[in-house]
Amino acid sequence: MIKIKNIFNISALAILVIGLSACSSMQSYQPLPPVKVITEEVQLEIYQPPLPQAIQMLDVEWKVLTNTPCKPATGENKNPRYYTTEKYMSEPYTKEDGTESIRAVRDAEGKRIPREPLVDEDGEVIMVCGNLDQKIAEVEKMIGGDFVIMAVTPKGYENMAANLQDIKRYIKQQKEIILYYREATGGNNDSKEDWLDKNKDNQAKQIESAKSDNEQQAAEVSAPAEEKSGFSISKLIPSLKKD
């Protein structure tokens, strides 16, 4: 009877050991921590290029050619050479501030003195029709070469002025759009080099922060909390207690 009892105790002990091993393995298993989803608002750093320089317009000199009715020549310009058609005499004088100017010559009664018309070798009055000869002489002196005409009609000049105004309008609207997005994206006056350095520092900080978060999560997974069990075999089988 003693042997049968011992065999029964050993069998029961084996069953309990196997069961306890399974329970122990089940109790030591810890599920992975849930995935944490963190939403963080990050302001996007956008490089704001500097605005273009202002347009520098150059002066354009125009020479207007006319075909006015013919007038008698009353004077002659020597260099460049052309006939003038001024009706009254004039003279240079010095103002009170020291600057030079031109004024009309008047008689004792205060009336302007008219110029005498010029005559040619045959005694005929020299007539000047329009200002073509005068402008040719002026342009040849100015450019130091032959006279060249680049003409534009009044309608063409009007169209050119309208085109310039339309270009000005387009540039103004484009500038307003640029300024709007510059303000909307938090633009500043950083140069390109300063912005690149700042962007590089921000990227390094973001990489370091992500690396730190990954290490922390890995440590939590690899080191689960240990739980102690209050189960004891000696409580189930009193005969196994040591004397």
C-alpha atoms as a PDB file:
ATOM      1  CA  MET A   1       0.000   0.000   0.000  1.00  0.00           C
ATOM      2  CA  ILE A   2       2.906   2.279   0.748  1.00  0.00           C
ATOM      3  CA  LYS A   3       4.402   1.732  -2.704  1.00  0.00           C
ATOM      4  CA  ILE A   4       1.080   2.384  -4.377  1.00  0.00           C
ATOM      5  CA  LYS A   5       0.709   5.583  -2.342  1.00  0.00           C
ATOM      6  CA  ASN A   6       4.207   6.725  -3.306  1.00  0.00           C
ATOM      7  CA  ILE A   7       3.513   6.027  -6.983  1.00  0.00           C
ATOM      8  CA  PHE A   8       0.294   8.008  -6.722  1.00  0.00           C
ATOM      9  CA  ASN A   9       2.097  10.909  -5.054  1.00  0.00           C
ATOM     10  CA  ILE A  10       4.836  10.898  -7.690  1.00  0.00           C
ATOM     11  CA  SER A  11       2.248  10.855 -10.504  1.00  0.00           C
ATOM     12  CA  ALA A  12       0.288  13.663  -8.948  1.00  0.00           C
ATOM     13  CA  LEU A  13       3.494  15.633  -8.440  1.00  0.00           C
ATOM     14  CA  ALA A  14       4.459  15.176 -12.094  1.00  0.00           C
ATOM     15  CA  ILE A  15       1.036  16.341 -13.259  1.00  0.00           C
ATOM     16  CA  LEU A  16       1.187  19.359 -10.990  1.00  0.00           C
ATOM     17  CA  VAL A  17       4.712  20.250 -12.147  1.00  0.00           C
ATOM     18  CA  ILE A  18       3.653  20.129 -15.798  1.00  0.00           C
ATOM     19  CA  GLY A  19       0.525  22.181 -15.089  1.00  0.00           C
ATOM     20  CA  LEU A  20       2.406  24.673 -12.997  1.00  0.00           C
ATOM     21  CA  SER A  21       5.049  25.002 -15.708  1.00  0.00           C
ATOM     22  CA  ALA A  22       2.337  25.830 -18.215  1.00  0.00           C
ATOM     23  CA  CYS A  23       0.712  28.322 -15.854  1.00  0.00           C
ATOM     24  CA  SER A  24       4.087  29.843 -15.061  1.00  0.00           C
ATOM     25  CA  SER A  25       4.868  30.269 -18.736  1.00  0.00           C
ATOM     26  CA  MET A  26       1.438  31.813 -19.273  1.00  0.00           C
ATOM     27  CA  GLN A  27       1.896  34.170 -16.325  1.00  0.00           C
ATOM     28  CA  SER A  28       5.399  35.322 -17.454  1.00  0.00           C
ATOM     29  CA  TYR A  29       4.152  36.242 -20.951  1.00  0.00           C
ATOM     30  CA  GLN A  30       3.500  39.927 -21.329  1.00  0.00           C
ATOM     31  CA  PRO A  31       1.716  41.347 -24.398  1.00  0.00           C
ATOM     32  CA  LEU A  32       3.421  44.099 -26.374  1.00  0.00           C
ATOM     33  CA  PRO A  33       2.456  47.613 -25.352  1.00  0.00           C
ATOM     34  CA  PRO A  34      -0.097  49.245 -27.601  1.00  0.00           C
ATOM     35  CA  VAL A  35       1.163  51.433 -30.412  1.00  0.00           C
ATOM     36  CA  LYS A  36       1.067  55.085 -29.514  1.00  0.00           C
ATOM     37  CA  VAL A  37      -0.024  57.501 -32.207  1.00  0.00           C
ATOM     38  CA  ILE A  38       1.066  61.042 -31.419  1.00  0.00           C
ATOM     39  CA  THR A  39      -0.140  63.922 -33.545  1.00  0.00           C
ATOM     40  CA  GLU A  40       2.058  67.009 -33.342  1.00  0.00           C
ATOM     41  CA  GLU A  41       1.679  70.208 -35.318  1.00  0.00           C
ATOM     42  CA  VAL A  42       4.994  71.264 -36.819  1.00  0.00           C
ATOM     43  CA  GLN A  43       5.401  74.576 -38.582  1.00  0.00           C
ATOM     44  CA  LEU A  44       6.917  74.109 -42.001  1.00  0.00           C
ATOM     45  CA  GLU A  45       9.987  76.218 -42.633  1.00  0.00           C
ATOM     46  CA  ILE A  46       9.724  77.596 -46.171  1.00  0.00           C
ATOM     47  CA  TYR A  47      12.543  79.572 -47.711  1.00  0.00           C
ATOM     48  CA  GLN A  48      11.430  82.998 -48.841  1.00  0.00           C
ATOM     49  CA  PRO A  49      13.585  84.304 -51.690  1.00  0.00           C
ATOM     50  CA  PRO A  50      14.216  88.044 -51.716  1.00  0.00           C
ATOM     51  CA  LEU A  51      12.005  90.196 -53.872  1.00  0.00           C
ATOM     52  CA  PRO A  52      13.445  91.245 -57.234  1.00  0.00           C
ATOM     53  CA  GLN A  53      15.103  94.603 -57.531  1.00  0.00           C
ATOM     54  CA  ALA A  54      13.043  97.526 -58.673  1.00  0.00           C
ATOM     55  CA  ILE A  55      12.913  98.184 -62.395  1.00  0.00           C
ATOM     56  CA  GLN A  56      15.324 100.903 -63.436  1.00  0.00           C
ATOM     57  CA  MET A  57      13.901 102.684 -66.451  1.00  0.00           C
ATOM     58  CA  LEU A  58      16.266 104.508 -68.793  1.00  0.00           C
ATOM     59  CA  ASP A  59      15.391 107.828 -70.348  1.00  0.00           C
ATOM     60  CA  VAL A  60      14.335 107.768 -73.978  1.00  0.00           C
ATOM     61  CA  GLU A  61      14.797 110.878 -76.092  1.00  0.00           C
ATOM     62  CA  TRP A  62      12.284 111.478 -78.839  1.00  0.00           C
ATOM     63  CA  LYS A  63      12.704 113.594 -81.944  1.00  0.00           C
ATOM     64  CA  VAL A  64       9.377 114.657 -83.414  1.00  0.00           C
ATOM     65  CA  LEU A  65       9.311 115.493 -87.121  1.00  0.00           C
ATOM     66  CA  THR A  66       6.619 117.865 -88.314  1.00  0.00           C
ATOM     67  CA  ASN A  67       5.339 118.937 -91.704  1.00  0.00           C
ATOM     68  CA  THR A  68       3.994 122.351 -90.757  1.00  0.00           C
ATOM     69  CA  PRO A  69       3.199 125.022 -93.362  1.00  0.00           C
ATOM     70  CA  CYS A  70       6.269 126.666 -94.810  1.00  0.00           C
ATOM     71  CA  LYS A  71       7.585 129.718 -92.935  1.00  0.00           C
ATOM     72  CA  PRO A  72      10.196 132.303 -93.891  1.00  0.00           C
ATOM     73  CA  ALA A  73      13.642 131.658 -92.465  1.00  0.00           C
ATOM     74  CA  THR A  74      14.632 134.341 -89.974  1.00  0.00           C
ATOM     75  CA  GLY A  75      17.906 132.898 -88.693  1.00  0.00           C
ATOM     76  CA  GLU A  76      20.597 130.307 -89.277  1.00  0.00           C
ATOM     77  CA  ASN A  77      22.171 127.921 -86.826  1.00  0.00           C
ATOM     78  CA  LYS A  78      25.856 127.344 -87.538  1.00  0.00           C
ATOM     79  CA  ASN A  79      26.616 124.031 -85.810  1.00  0.00           C
ATOM     80  CA  PRO A  80      24.658 122.020 -86.721  1.00  0.00           C
ATOM     81  CA  ARG A  81      23.635 124.062 -89.719  1.00  0.00           C
ATOM     82  CA  TYR A  82      19.928 124.662 -90.307  1.00  0.00           C
ATOM     83  CA  TYR A  83      17.520 127.555 -90.734  1.00  0.00           C
ATOM     84  CA  THR A  84      15.293 128.762 -87.899  1.00  0.00           C
ATOM     85  CA  THR A  85      11.864 130.363 -88.154  1.00  0.00           C
ATOM     86  CA  GLU A  86      11.594 132.350 -84.941  1.00  0.00           C
ATOM     87  CA  LYS A  87       9.333 135.293 -85.592  1.00  0.00           C
ATOM     88  CA  TYR A  88      10.687 137.710 -82.959  1.00  0.00           C
ATOM     89  CA  MET A  89      14.149 138.659 -81.836  1.00  0.00           C
ATOM     90  CA  SER A  90      15.526 137.307 -78.559  1.00  0.00           C
ATOM     91  CA  GLU A  91      18.664 137.774 -76.492  1.00  0.00           C
ATOM     92  CA  PRO A  92      20.453 135.940 -73.690  1.00  0.00           C
ATOM     93  CA  TYR A  93      20.561 137.463 -70.216  1.00  0.00           C
ATOM     94  CA  THR A  94      21.630 136.581 -66.675  1.00  0.00           C
ATOM     95  CA  LYS A  95      19.033 136.171 -63.953  1.00  0.00           C
ATOM     96  CA  GLU A  96      19.420 137.465 -60.394  1.00  0.00           C
ATOM     97  CA  ASP A  97      20.384 133.962 -59.208  1.00  0.00           C
ATOM     98  CA  GLY A  98      23.226 133.854 -61.735  1.00  0.00           C
ATOM     99  CA  THR A  99      21.638 131.450 -64.233  1.00  0.00           C
ATOM    100  CA  GLU A 100      21.529 132.124 -67.971  1.00  0.00           C
ATOM    101  CA  SER A 101      18.251 132.389 -69.917  1.00  0.00           C
ATOM    102  CA  ILE A 102      16.666 133.859 -73.079  1.00  0.00           C
ATOM    103  CA  ARG A 103      14.245 136.785 -73.240  1.00  0.00           C
ATOM    104  CA  ALA A 104      12.449 138.722 -75.989  1.00  0.00           C
ATOM    105  CA  VAL A 105      13.933 141.943 -77.303  1.00  0.00           C
ATOM    106  CA  ARG A 106      11.517 144.858 -77.009  1.00  0.00           C
ATOM    107  CA  ASP A 107      11.493 148.415 -78.343  1.00  0.00           C
ATOM    108  CA  ALA A 108      10.976 151.636 -76.401  1.00  0.00           C
ATOM    109  CA  GLU A 109       7.244 151.069 -76.332  1.00  0.00           C
ATOM    110  CA  GLY A 110       7.642 147.546 -74.956  1.00  0.00           C
ATOM    111  CA  LYS A 111       6.677 145.817 -78.163  1.00  0.00           C
ATOM    112  CA  ARG A 112       8.548 142.754 -79.389  1.00  0.00           C
ATOM    113  CA  ILE A 113      10.847 143.378 -82.332  1.00  0.00           C
ATOM    114  CA  PRO A 114      10.200 141.022 -85.302  1.00  0.00           C
ATOM    115  CA  ARG A 115      13.039 139.364 -87.174  1.00  0.00           C
ATOM    116  CA  GLU A 116      13.833 140.145 -90.790  1.00  0.00           C
ATOM    117  CA  PRO A 117      13.439 137.170 -93.172  1.00  0.00           C
ATOM    118  CA  LEU A 118      16.570 135.744 -94.837  1.00  0.00           C
ATOM    119  CA  VAL A 119      16.985 135.849 -98.613  1.00  0.00           C
ATOM    120  CA  ASP A 120      19.101 133.759-100.968  1.00  0.00           C
ATOM    121  CA  GLU A 121      21.523 134.919-103.667  1.00  0.00           C
ATOM    122  CA  ASP A 122      18.634 135.737-105.998  1.00  0.00           C
ATOM    123  CA  GLY A 123      16.903 137.856-103.377  1.00  0.00           C
ATOM    124  CA  GLU A 124      14.180 135.289-102.755  1.00  0.00           C
ATOM    125  CA  VAL A 125      12.997 134.712 -99.210  1.00  0.00           C
ATOM    126  CA  ILE A 126      14.269 131.384 -97.920  1.00  0.00           C
ATOM    127  CA  MET A 127      11.310 129.213 -96.866  1.00  0.00           C
ATOM    128  CA  VAL A 128      11.469 126.479 -94.223  1.00  0.00           C
ATOM    129  CA  CYS A 129       8.875 123.720 -94.512  1.00  0.00           C
ATOM    130  CA  GLY A 130       8.627 121.629 -91.338  1.00  0.00           C
ATOM    131  CA  ASN A 131      11.578 120.844 -89.062  1.00  0.00           C
ATOM    132  CA  LEU A 132      13.161 117.984 -91.018  1.00  0.00           C
ATOM    133  CA  ASP A 133      16.429 119.779 -91.780  1.00  0.00           C
ATOM    134  CA  GLN A 134      16.772 120.939 -88.190  1.00  0.00           C
ATOM    135  CA  LYS A 135      16.203 117.467 -86.695  1.00  0.00           C
ATOM    136  CA  ILE A 136      18.533 115.830 -89.199  1.00  0.00           C
ATOM    137  CA  ALA A 137      21.298 118.231 -88.195  1.00  0.00           C
ATOM    138  CA  GLU A 138      20.634 117.697 -84.469  1.00  0.00           C
ATOM    139  CA  VAL A 139      20.612 113.901 -84.721  1.00  0.00           C
ATOM    140  CA  GLU A 140      23.757 113.730 -86.860  1.00  0.00           C
ATOM    141  CA  LYS A 141      25.584 115.868 -84.312  1.00  0.00           C
ATOM    142  CA  MET A 142      24.283 113.795 -81.408  1.00  0.00           C
ATOM    143  CA  ILE A 143      25.178 110.360 -82.809  1.00  0.00           C
ATOM    144  CA  GLY A 144      28.193 111.471 -84.804  1.00  0.00           C
ATOM    145  CA  GLY A 145      26.990 109.697 -87.932  1.00  0.00           C
ATOM    146  CA  ASP A 146      24.377 109.578 -90.646  1.00  0.00           C
ATOM    147  CA  PHE A 147      20.777 110.390 -89.890  1.00  0.00           C
ATOM    148  CA  VAL A 148      18.457 107.402 -89.491  1.00  0.00           C
ATOM    149  CA  ILE A 149      14.694 107.525 -89.030  1.00  0.00           C
ATOM    150  CA  MET A 150      12.911 104.999 -86.766  1.00  0.00           C
ATOM    151  CA  ALA A 151       9.397 106.323 -86.981  1.00  0.00           C
ATOM    152  CA  VAL A 152       6.237 105.391 -85.114  1.00  0.00           C
ATOM    153  CA  THR A 153       2.714 106.486 -85.896  1.00  0.00           C
ATOM    154  CA  PRO A 154       0.577 108.261 -83.271  1.00  0.00           C
ATOM    155  CA  LYS A 155      -1.546 105.102 -82.950  1.00  0.00           C
ATOM    156  CA  GLY A 156       1.570 102.974 -82.578  1.00  0.00           C
ATOM    157  CA  TYR A 157       2.865 105.286 -79.857  1.00  0.00           C
ATOM    158  CA  GLU A 158      -0.503 105.020 -78.097  1.00  0.00           C
ATOM    159  CA  ASN A 159      -0.368 101.213 -78.280  1.00  0.00           C
ATOM    160  CA  MET A 160       3.181 101.191 -76.906  1.00  0.00           C
ATOM    161  CA  ALA A 161       2.144 103.339 -73.958  1.00  0.00           C
ATOM    162  CA  ALA A 162      -0.829 101.030 -73.302  1.00  0.00           C
ATOM    163  CA  ASN A 163       1.484  97.996 -73.421  1.00  0.00           C
ATOM    164  CA  LEU A 164       3.825  99.544 -70.853  1.00  0.00           C
ATOM    165  CA  GLN A 165       0.915 100.265 -68.554  1.00  0.00           C
ATOM    166  CA  ASP A 166      -0.312  96.679 -68.896  1.00  0.00           C
ATOM    167  CA  ILE A 167       3.168  95.369 -68.044  1.00  0.00           C
ATOM    168  CA  LYS A 168       3.217  97.650 -65.008  1.00  0.00           C
ATOM    169  CA  ARG A 169      -0.202  96.340 -63.938  1.00  0.00           C
ATOM    170  CA  TYR A 170       0.902  92.709 -64.341  1.00  0.00           C
ATOM    171  CA  ILE A 171       4.077  93.226 -62.298  1.00  0.00           C
ATOM    172  CA  LYS A 172       2.099  94.944 -59.532  1.00  0.00           C
ATOM    173  CA  GLN A 173      -0.399  92.063 -59.297  1.00  0.00           C
ATOM    174  CA  GLN A 174       2.399  89.482 -59.279  1.00  0.00           C
ATOM    175  CA  LYS A 175       4.099  91.354 -56.456  1.00  0.00           C
ATOM    176  CA  GLU A 176       0.865  91.362 -54.424  1.00  0.00           C
ATOM    177  CA  ILE A 177       0.573  87.567 -54.857  1.00  0.00           C
ATOM    178  CA  ILE A 178       4.181  87.057 -53.774  1.00  0.00           C
ATOM    179  CA  LEU A 179       3.701  89.240 -50.710  1.00  0.00           C
ATOM    180  CA  TYR A 180       0.506  87.345 -49.794  1.00  0.00           C
ATOM    181  CA  TYR A 181       2.211  83.925 -49.819  1.00  0.00           C
ATOM    182  CA  ARG A 182       5.269  85.386 -48.143  1.00  0.00           C
ATOM    183  CA  GLU A 183       3.108  86.498 -45.223  1.00  0.00           C
ATOM    184  CA  ALA A 184       0.948  83.339 -45.218  1.00  0.00           C
ATOM    185  CA  THR A 185       3.996  81.054 -44.955  1.00  0.00           C
ATOM    186  CA  GLY A 186       5.618  83.071 -42.216  1.00  0.00           C
ATOM    187  CA  GLY A 187       8.298  84.534 -44.402  1.00  0.00           C
ATOM    188  CA  ASN A 188      11.130  86.492 -42.920  1.00  0.00           C
ATOM    189  CA  ASN A 189      14.139  88.351 -44.168  1.00  0.00           C
ATOM    190  CA  ASP A 190      16.633  85.509 -43.737  1.00  0.00           C
ATOM    191  CA  SER A 191      19.149  85.104 -46.500  1.00  0.00           C
ATOM    192  CA  LYS A 192      19.424  81.839 -48.410  1.00  0.00           C
ATOM    193  CA  GLU A 193      22.495  80.754 -46.425  1.00  0.00           C
ATOM    194  CA  ASP A 194      20.874  81.562 -43.063  1.00  0.00           C
ATOM    195  CA  TRP A 195      17.725  79.654 -44.007  1.00  0.00           C
ATOM    196  CA  LEU A 196      19.727  76.569 -45.075  1.00  0.00           C
ATOM    197  CA  ASP A 197      21.634  76.552 -41.768  1.00  0.00           C
ATOM    198  CA  LYS A 198      18.408  76.916 -39.790  1.00  0.00           C
ATOM    199  CA  ASN A 199      16.737  74.128 -41.772  1.00  0.00           C
ATOM    200  CA  LYS A 200      19.730  71.833 -41.185  1.00  0.00           C
ATOM    201  CA  ASP A 201      19.524  72.399 -37.413  1.00  0.00           C
ATOM    202  CA  ASN A 202      15.773  71.685 -37.398  1.00  0.00           C
ATOM    203  CA  GLN A 203      16.279  68.419 -39.278  1.00  0.00           C
ATOM    204  CA  ALA A 204      18.983  67.317 -36.833  1.00  0.00           C
ATOM    205  CA  LYS A 205      16.714  68.046 -33.853  1.00  0.00           C
ATOM    206  CA  GLN A 206      13.835  66.088 -35.408  1.00  0.00           C
ATOM    207  CA  ILE A 207      16.075  63.070 -36.103  1.00  0.00           C
ATOM    208  CA  GLU A 208      17.443  63.122 -32.531  1.00  0.00           C
ATOM    209  CA  SER A 209      13.916  63.354 -31.082  1.00  0.00           C
ATOM    210  CA  ALA A 210      12.672  60.422 -33.177  1.00  0.00           C
ATOM    211  CA  LYS A 211      15.692  58.332 -32.187  1.00  0.00           C
ATOM    212  CA  SER A 212      15.054  59.014 -28.497  1.00  0.00           C
ATOM    213  CA  ASP A 213      11.390  57.999 -28.818  1.00  0.00           C
ATOM    214  CA  ASN A 214      12.325  54.730 -30.565  1.00  0.00           C
ATOM    215  CA  GLU A 215      14.846  53.823 -27.849  1.00  0.00           C
ATOM    216  CA  GLN A 216      12.287  54.475 -25.124  1.00  0.00           C
ATOM    217  CA  GLN A 217       9.650  52.272 -26.779  1.00  0.00           C
ATOM    218  CA  ALA A 218      12.194  49.485 -27.331  1.00  0.00           C
ATOM    219  CA  ALA A 219      13.153  49.558 -23.650  1.00  0.00           C
ATOM    220  CA  GLU A 220       9.510  49.267 -22.587  1.00  0.00           C
ATOM    221  CA  VAL A 221       9.005  46.197 -24.822  1.00  0.00           C
ATOM    222  CA  SER A 222      12.204  44.392 -23.805  1.00  0.00           C
ATOM    223  CA  ALA A 223      11.677  44.858 -20.040  1.00  0.00           C
ATOM    224  CA  PRO A 224       8.103  43.795 -19.092  1.00  0.00           C
ATOM    225  CA  ALA A 225       7.005  44.060 -15.472  1.00  0.00           C
ATOM    226  CA  GLU A 226       7.512  40.873 -13.399  1.00  0.00           C
ATOM    227  CA  GLU A 227       4.533  39.529 -11.503  1.00  0.00           C
ATOM    228  CA  LYS A 228       4.960  37.227  -8.486  1.00  0.00           C
ATOM    229  CA  SER A 229       2.543  34.343  -7.953  1.00  0.00           C
ATOM    230  CA  GLY A 230       1.258  33.327  -4.518  1.00  0.00           C
ATOM    231  CA  PHE A 231       0.957  29.631  -5.582  1.00  0.00           C
ATOM    232  CA  SER A 232       2.977  27.024  -3.625  1.00  0.00           C
ATOM    233  CA  ILE A 233       3.245  23.234  -4.216  1.00  0.00           C
ATOM    234  CA  SER A 234       3.753  22.561  -0.526  1.00  0.00           C
ATOM    235  CA  LYS A 235       0.318  24.019   0.170  1.00  0.00           C
ATOM    236  CA  LEU A 236      -1.293  21.532  -2.236  1.00  0.00           C
ATOM    237  CA  ILE A 237       0.725  18.459  -1.047  1.00  0.00           C
ATOM    238  CA  PRO A 238       1.407  18.708   2.661  1.00  0.00           C
ATOM    239  CA  SER A 239       3.398  15.447   2.587  1.00  0.00           C
ATOM    240  CA  LEU A 240       6.159  17.231   0.576  1.00  0.00           C
ATOM    241  CA  LYS A 241       6.920  19.583   3.434  1.00  0.00           C
ATOM    242  CA  LYS A 242      10.404  19.240   4.772  1.00  0.00           C
ATOM    243  CA  ASP A 243      10.813  18.238   8.383  1.00  0.00           C
END
